[in-house]
Amino acid sequence: MSFTCIIIEDQLQAQKVLERHISNVSHLSLLGVFNNALDVVHFLKSNTQVDIVFLDINLPKLNGIDFLRTFRPKTSVIITSAYSEYAIEGFDLDVIDYLIKPISFNRFFKAISKVIYKESAITDNLESKQFLFVKDGHNIMKVVLRNIVLIKSDSDFTTLILQEKKLLLSYSLKFWQQVLPKNDFFRCHKSYIINLRMIDKIVGNTIYINEKRIPIGRTSKEALIKKINLI
């Protein structure tokens, strides 16, 4: 199991410590380092495959606690701070862990282990699913997961493309991202989730599945390459 992560930290020395710790954990991949939380808001809109956010509290423009309160990122958040007084509020906002600077590698790895445990429990539950039921108008439809080719966002709906048919459903792409097994499905673009086992080839920034062309950004492609190497 591999995880992508970003750092939100305005102090260069603290950035370097986290970068070094991340580089020493083989299943962590650093996607970016940001000096303020506002830049991350724009980044997360186009890069949905961020698993872990290392978040400082005292940041310019928007502090870490306000960032969590306002934007509620759908990722595992680990707070990194020189101050302990925000810990209770941080845990109330469902952060995974609260690391006090200076951060040792042992303490860092303990926090990462919590993420691994949490995601493993979720994945084990999802992986046991072979099908799910969805509402299609007035009908309840059974969808066998292995038959899903891809899912495309279409305004307030999603088009579920199966091997034998298509369904236009009133579910968001975020819903599908939450209910589908992460080992088999990947959100490669803000508008697409693909079944990894259906990929025919990847050429440049394009994924080919059953002669369909699906775009993928550079950052998402790096995460995808790492993921498919595990299959």
Foldseek 3Di string as FASTA:
>chain_A
DAAEEEEAAQDPVQVVLVVVLQVVDVRYHYLYYHQACVVVVVVCLWDVRHAEYEAEADGPPHGPLRSCVPPVRPHAYEYEYQDDPCVVVVVVSVHQYYHHPPHDSVNVVVSVVSSVVVVVVLLVVLVVDQWDWADQPPDIDIGGVVQFFKWFDDPQWIWTDGVVDIGTGRDGPVVVVRRHRPLQWADQTSTMIGGLVQFPDDDDQWTAGPNDTDGGDPSSVVVVVVSVVVD
